[in-house]
Amino acid sequence: MFFIMLGFLAVIAGFAINTPALTISRYSRPAKVVGLILIVLGALTASVRQIDAGQVGIISLFGNVSDRVLNAGLNFVNPLATVSEFDIKTQNYTMSASHDEGQKQGDDAIRVLTADGLEVIIDLTVLYRVVPDDAPKIYRQIGEDYTDKIVRPITRTRIRDNAVYYDAVALYSTRRDEFQGRIYKTIEVDFKKRGLLLEQLLIRNIDLPTSVKKTIESKINAEQDAQKMQFVLQKERQEAERKRVEAQGIADYQKILATGLTDKQLQYEQIKAQRELAASPNAKIVIMGSRGNVPLILND
């Protein structure tokens, strides 16, 4: 555009000095030629627009937005048109209670009321991107600040609308995935109408009221105590079973000895014991002819 304006000025100057009375009139023709060259060069330069990767170009001519979308690379357009670039890469918008995590400074978490009337604080991240073919519609109807006009208000509103169907404890634990899937579907429909594609919805944290937290902690502690007691009882049952089996084994052993052990077997066992004592290197005294015909062996 700069060369075009400069070329027009050169042409106008050439016509202005095209007067025989002026000493510089001889430069009139060269000025016109240079002006035309600059106009042609400027038109060619302004007609070629480069769009970076992950972007699309929106063409606007005198306020009229074209439905044509310029893709990444070099594109030829009207040199008088204005091209605005739109980011079509995945973007994220975080609303968090932490002061240094969200797009907004300070506490930007979403406060909702649950079915049991409790206030729950939700930290959330939205992953989305602009649909390339719908970029002209977004530029025409919403503008380039679609994040603050569409993403933020729709997300916060839909979360509040759906939270009223859940109790605080269920929202925190058993029905969290269900809640996340429900708000995903509703937000996805609203985004699609505006030319945005919802890729993922991440519930980063759900903060319950202090009273509810204490109730949950008490319940968890009670469950842990009950599980511990069950373990102790099971261990005692196993120990009792072990002792019963051991006692039964001793009783069976004694019964076998009482019914199956003969005098000859006892004598044989005595002889084996005497042989082992005799083979021992320790000093000993053997007294023969003791009671029961069994030698009496005395050590030092």
Protein backbone atom coordinates (compact mmCIF):
# COMPACT_ATOMS: atom_id res chain seq x y z
CA MET A 1 0.00 0.00 0.00
CA PHE A 2 2.91 2.34 0.71
CA PHE A 3 4.26 1.99 -2.84
CA ILE A 4 0.82 2.61 -4.32
CA MET A 5 0.42 5.85 -2.40
CA LEU A 6 3.95 6.91 -3.29
CA GLY A 7 3.28 6.11 -6.96
CA PHE A 8 0.09 8.19 -6.99
CA LEU A 9 1.99 11.11 -5.49
CA ALA A 10 4.70 10.76 -8.13
CA VAL A 11 2.11 10.75 -10.95
CA ILE A 12 0.32 13.78 -9.50
CA ALA A 13 3.63 15.60 -9.17
CA GLY A 14 4.45 14.73 -12.80
CA PHE A 15 1.23 16.30 -14.01
CA ALA A 16 1.73 19.29 -11.73
CA ILE A 17 5.14 20.17 -13.12
CA ASN A 18 4.13 19.56 -16.73
CA THR A 19 4.21 23.28 -17.47
CA PRO A 20 6.66 24.74 -20.05
CA ALA A 21 7.15 27.83 -17.91
CA LEU A 22 8.76 25.75 -15.13
CA THR A 23 12.42 24.86 -15.38
CA ILE A 24 11.73 21.38 -13.91
CA SER A 25 9.06 20.56 -16.47
CA ARG A 26 11.52 18.22 -18.15
CA TYR A 27 11.13 15.90 -15.14
CA SER A 28 7.38 15.57 -15.67
CA ARG A 29 7.54 12.50 -17.88
CA PRO A 30 10.10 10.59 -15.74
CA ALA A 31 8.00 11.36 -12.64
CA LYS A 32 4.91 9.89 -14.29
CA VAL A 33 6.81 6.77 -15.39
CA VAL A 34 8.29 6.26 -11.92
CA GLY A 35 4.86 6.80 -10.39
CA LEU A 36 3.27 4.18 -12.64
CA ILE A 37 6.05 1.72 -11.84
CA LEU A 38 5.56 2.29 -8.12
CA ILE A 39 1.81 1.82 -8.46
CA VAL A 40 2.24 -1.49 -10.31
CA LEU A 41 4.90 -2.67 -7.85
CA GLY A 42 2.76 -1.68 -4.87
CA ALA A 43 -0.29 -3.43 -6.34
CA LEU A 44 1.65 -6.64 -6.84
CA THR A 45 3.15 -6.45 -3.37
CA ALA A 46 -0.20 -5.72 -1.72
CA SER A 47 -1.87 -8.53 -3.65
CA VAL A 48 0.36 -11.19 -2.11
CA ARG A 49 -0.36 -12.00 1.54
CA GLN A 50 1.48 -14.56 3.63
CA ILE A 51 -0.46 -16.51 6.27
CA ASP A 52 1.57 -18.28 8.95
CA ALA A 53 1.05 -21.92 9.99
CA GLY A 54 -1.82 -22.40 12.41
CA GLN A 55 -3.54 -19.25 11.15
CA VAL A 56 -6.21 -18.37 8.60
CA GLY A 57 -6.78 -15.03 6.92
CA ILE A 58 -10.08 -13.12 6.84
CA ILE A 59 -10.56 -10.70 3.92
CA SER A 60 -12.33 -7.41 4.55
CA LEU A 61 -12.88 -4.82 1.81
CA PHE A 62 -14.44 -1.51 2.83
CA GLY A 63 -16.19 -3.18 5.78
CA ASN A 64 -17.49 -6.13 3.77
CA VAL A 65 -16.18 -9.44 5.15
CA SER A 66 -15.67 -12.12 2.52
CA ASP A 67 -16.57 -15.78 3.15
CA ARG A 68 -13.30 -16.79 1.51
CA VAL A 69 -10.70 -18.06 3.95
CA LEU A 70 -6.97 -17.66 3.29
CA ASN A 71 -5.04 -20.76 4.30
CA ALA A 72 -1.42 -20.93 5.44
CA GLY A 73 1.08 -19.90 2.77
CA LEU A 74 1.03 -17.25 0.02
CA ASN A 75 -2.35 -15.98 -1.19
CA PHE A 76 -3.41 -13.44 -3.83
CA VAL A 77 -6.04 -10.91 -2.77
CA ASN A 78 -7.35 -7.52 -3.72
CA PRO A 79 -4.55 -5.03 -2.90
CA LEU A 80 -7.07 -2.70 -1.28
CA ALA A 81 -8.44 -5.44 1.02
CA THR A 82 -7.54 -5.80 4.68
CA VAL A 83 -6.50 -9.26 5.90
CA SER A 84 -6.92 -10.21 9.56
CA GLU A 85 -5.34 -13.40 10.88
CA PHE A 86 -7.24 -15.82 13.09
CA ASP A 87 -5.53 -18.42 15.28
CA ILE A 88 -6.93 -21.92 14.56
CA LYS A 89 -4.56 -23.82 16.86
CA THR A 90 -5.79 -25.40 20.09
CA GLN A 91 -6.27 -22.77 22.77
CA ASN A 92 -6.95 -23.13 26.48
CA TYR A 93 -8.90 -20.99 28.88
CA THR A 94 -8.41 -21.67 32.60
CA MET A 95 -10.61 -20.43 35.42
CA SER A 96 -8.91 -21.12 38.72
CA ALA A 97 -8.93 -20.01 42.34
CA SER A 98 -5.13 -19.73 42.21
CA HIS A 99 -4.02 -16.20 41.44
CA ASP A 100 -1.33 -17.18 38.93
CA GLU A 101 -3.00 -19.95 36.92
CA GLY A 102 -6.04 -18.53 35.13
CA GLN A 103 -6.38 -15.96 32.36
CA LYS A 104 -7.91 -13.51 34.82
CA GLN A 105 -5.92 -12.09 37.70
CA GLY A 106 -7.09 -13.13 41.17
CA ASP A 107 -9.66 -15.73 42.14
CA ASP A 108 -11.51 -16.68 38.94
CA ALA A 109 -12.93 -20.05 40.02
CA ILE A 110 -16.56 -20.89 39.28
CA ARG A 111 -18.84 -20.90 42.33
CA VAL A 112 -21.96 -23.02 41.90
CA LEU A 113 -24.88 -24.13 44.06
CA THR A 114 -25.58 -27.86 44.22
CA ALA A 115 -28.89 -29.66 44.67
CA ASP A 116 -28.49 -29.69 48.46
CA GLY A 117 -27.94 -25.93 48.57
CA LEU A 118 -24.18 -25.99 49.21
CA GLU A 119 -21.67 -23.77 47.44
CA VAL A 120 -18.97 -25.64 45.56
CA ILE A 121 -15.90 -24.03 43.96
CA ILE A 122 -14.78 -25.50 40.63
CA ASP A 123 -11.47 -24.99 38.81
CA LEU A 124 -11.81 -25.64 35.09
CA THR A 125 -9.77 -25.61 31.88
CA VAL A 126 -11.42 -25.44 28.43
CA LEU A 127 -9.53 -26.67 25.35
CA TYR A 128 -11.00 -25.36 22.11
CA ARG A 129 -10.14 -24.00 18.66
CA VAL A 130 -11.69 -21.98 15.88
CA VAL A 131 -13.26 -23.93 12.99
CA PRO A 132 -11.40 -22.54 9.92
CA ASP A 133 -14.46 -22.35 7.65
CA ASP A 134 -16.40 -20.47 10.34
CA ALA A 135 -13.68 -17.88 10.97
CA PRO A 136 -15.32 -15.23 8.71
CA LYS A 137 -18.62 -15.64 10.58
CA ILE A 138 -16.85 -15.20 13.93
CA TYR A 139 -15.06 -12.10 12.67
CA ARG A 140 -18.28 -10.67 11.26
CA GLN A 141 -20.61 -11.45 14.18
CA ILE A 142 -18.35 -11.54 17.24
CA GLY A 143 -14.95 -10.08 16.46
CA GLU A 144 -11.49 -11.12 17.50
CA ASP A 145 -12.24 -11.09 21.25
CA TYR A 146 -14.44 -14.19 21.06
CA THR A 147 -12.75 -15.64 24.16
CA ASP A 148 -14.29 -13.09 26.50
CA LYS A 149 -17.58 -12.89 24.58
CA ILE A 150 -18.24 -16.60 23.97
CA VAL A 151 -15.85 -19.03 25.72
CA ARG A 152 -15.89 -17.56 29.21
CA PRO A 153 -19.60 -16.70 29.68
CA ILE A 154 -20.96 -19.87 28.06
CA THR A 155 -18.68 -22.14 30.08
CA ARG A 156 -19.49 -20.51 33.42
CA THR A 157 -23.23 -20.41 32.71
CA ARG A 158 -23.50 -24.05 31.61
CA ILE A 159 -21.57 -25.30 34.63
CA ARG A 160 -23.90 -23.45 36.98
CA ASP A 161 -26.95 -24.72 35.08
CA ASN A 162 -25.89 -28.37 35.36
CA ALA A 163 -24.49 -28.33 38.92
CA VAL A 164 -27.99 -27.97 40.40
CA TYR A 165 -28.75 -31.60 39.47
CA TYR A 166 -26.06 -33.03 41.77
CA ASP A 167 -25.39 -33.14 45.50
CA ALA A 168 -22.10 -31.71 46.69
CA VAL A 169 -20.65 -35.04 47.83
CA ALA A 170 -21.74 -36.85 44.65
CA LEU A 171 -20.27 -34.05 42.54
CA TYR A 172 -16.99 -34.47 44.36
CA SER A 173 -16.79 -38.24 44.22
CA THR A 174 -19.13 -40.75 42.58
CA ARG A 175 -20.74 -38.60 39.85
CA ARG A 176 -17.85 -36.36 38.91
CA ASP A 177 -17.27 -38.01 35.51
CA GLU A 178 -20.99 -37.89 34.77
CA PHE A 179 -21.07 -34.18 35.58
CA GLN A 180 -18.05 -33.50 33.39
CA GLY A 181 -19.60 -35.40 30.46
CA ARG A 182 -22.91 -33.55 30.87
CA ILE A 183 -21.42 -30.06 30.80
CA TYR A 184 -19.18 -31.09 27.91
CA LYS A 185 -22.18 -31.93 25.75
CA THR A 186 -24.04 -28.71 26.49
CA ILE A 187 -20.99 -26.48 25.98
CA GLU A 188 -20.06 -28.33 22.80
CA VAL A 189 -23.46 -27.54 21.25
CA ASP A 190 -23.19 -23.83 22.14
CA PHE A 191 -19.64 -23.57 20.82
CA LYS A 192 -20.57 -25.26 17.56
CA LYS A 193 -23.28 -22.68 16.91
CA ARG A 194 -20.65 -19.92 17.27
CA GLY A 195 -18.02 -21.55 15.03
CA LEU A 196 -15.87 -23.00 17.84
CA LEU A 197 -14.89 -26.62 18.36
CA LEU A 198 -14.70 -27.86 21.97
CA GLU A 199 -11.86 -30.40 22.20
CA GLN A 200 -11.76 -31.18 25.91
CA LEU A 201 -13.16 -30.01 29.21
CA LEU A 202 -10.99 -30.58 32.27
CA ILE A 203 -12.33 -30.22 35.81
CA ARG A 204 -9.10 -29.57 37.66
CA ASN A 205 -10.45 -29.31 41.19
CA ILE A 206 -13.71 -29.31 43.14
CA ASP A 207 -13.52 -27.58 46.51
CA LEU A 208 -16.26 -28.48 49.00
CA PRO A 209 -17.37 -26.47 52.05
CA THR A 210 -15.40 -27.10 55.24
CA SER A 211 -18.32 -28.80 57.00
CA VAL A 212 -18.73 -31.27 54.13
CA LYS A 213 -15.00 -32.00 54.10
CA LYS A 214 -15.05 -32.86 57.80
CA THR A 215 -18.02 -35.18 57.27
CA ILE A 216 -16.25 -36.98 54.43
CA GLU A 217 -13.04 -37.32 56.46
CA SER A 218 -14.97 -38.77 59.42
CA LYS A 219 -16.67 -41.27 57.14
CA ILE A 220 -13.36 -42.30 55.57
CA ASN A 221 -11.75 -42.73 59.00
CA ALA A 222 -14.68 -44.87 60.17
CA GLU A 223 -14.42 -47.05 57.06
CA GLN A 224 -10.68 -47.48 57.58
CA ASP A 225 -11.23 -48.47 61.23
CA ALA A 226 -13.86 -51.02 60.17
CA GLN A 227 -11.50 -52.49 57.58
CA LYS A 228 -8.75 -52.70 60.19
CA MET A 229 -11.04 -54.53 62.59
CA GLN A 230 -12.05 -56.96 59.85
CA PHE A 231 -8.37 -57.69 59.25
CA VAL A 232 -7.76 -58.31 62.98
CA LEU A 233 -10.74 -60.65 63.20
CA GLN A 234 -9.64 -62.55 60.15
CA LYS A 235 -6.15 -62.93 61.61
CA GLU A 236 -7.54 -64.21 64.91
CA ARG A 237 -9.72 -66.73 63.07
CA GLN A 238 -6.70 -68.00 61.18
CA GLU A 239 -4.68 -68.29 64.40
CA ALA A 240 -7.52 -70.20 66.09
CA GLU A 241 -7.73 -72.54 63.12
CA ARG A 242 -3.97 -73.12 63.26
CA LYS A 243 -4.11 -74.01 66.96
CA ARG A 244 -7.06 -76.33 66.38
CA VAL A 245 -5.19 -78.17 63.61
CA GLU A 246 -2.08 -78.38 65.80
CA ALA A 247 -4.06 -79.79 68.75
CA GLN A 248 -5.78 -82.28 66.50
CA GLY A 249 -2.40 -83.42 65.19
CA ILE A 250 -1.04 -83.92 68.71
CA ALA A 251 -4.13 -85.86 69.69
CA ASP A 252 -3.87 -88.06 66.61
CA TYR A 253 -0.18 -88.68 67.32
CA GLN A 254 -0.85 -89.69 70.91
CA LYS A 255 -3.66 -91.96 69.80
CA ILE A 256 -1.39 -93.69 67.32
CA LEU A 257 1.28 -94.17 69.97
CA ALA A 258 -1.21 -95.54 72.47
CA THR A 259 -2.63 -98.11 70.06
CA GLY A 260 0.33 -99.09 67.90
CA LEU A 261 3.46 -98.87 70.06
CA THR A 262 4.61 -102.39 71.29
CA ASP A 263 7.23 -103.47 73.88
CA LYS A 264 9.55 -104.72 71.17
CA GLN A 265 9.36 -101.40 69.33
CA LEU A 266 10.15 -99.57 72.61
CA GLN A 267 13.12 -101.86 73.18
CA TYR A 268 14.35 -101.20 69.66
CA GLU A 269 14.12 -97.42 70.21
CA GLN A 270 16.10 -97.80 73.51
CA ILE A 271 18.85 -99.73 71.76
CA LYS A 272 19.13 -97.01 69.11
CA ALA A 273 19.42 -94.34 71.78
CA GLN A 274 22.09 -96.36 73.66
CA ARG A 275 24.13 -96.75 70.50
CA GLU A 276 24.07 -93.05 69.87
CA LEU A 277 25.16 -92.36 73.46
CA ALA A 278 27.93 -94.89 73.20
CA ALA A 279 29.21 -93.25 70.02
CA SER A 280 29.34 -89.88 71.73
CA PRO A 281 32.92 -88.65 72.50
CA ASN A 282 31.94 -87.43 76.00
CA ALA A 283 33.07 -89.46 79.04
CA LYS A 284 30.35 -91.64 80.51
CA ILE A 285 29.72 -94.45 83.06
CA VAL A 286 27.57 -97.43 82.06
CA ILE A 287 25.89 -99.38 84.91
CA MET A 288 24.59 -102.74 83.76
CA GLY A 289 21.73 -104.65 85.30
CA SER A 290 19.60 -101.63 86.11
CA ARG A 291 15.84 -101.72 86.58
CA GLY A 292 14.01 -103.04 83.58
CA ASN A 293 17.20 -104.61 82.13
CA VAL A 294 18.14 -101.27 80.64
CA PRO A 295 21.76 -100.10 81.19
CA LEU A 296 22.09 -96.89 83.15
CA ILE A 297 24.53 -94.47 81.52
CA LEU A 298 26.03 -91.66 83.61
CA ASN A 299 28.08 -88.80 82.17
CA ASP A 300 30.70 -86.81 84.01
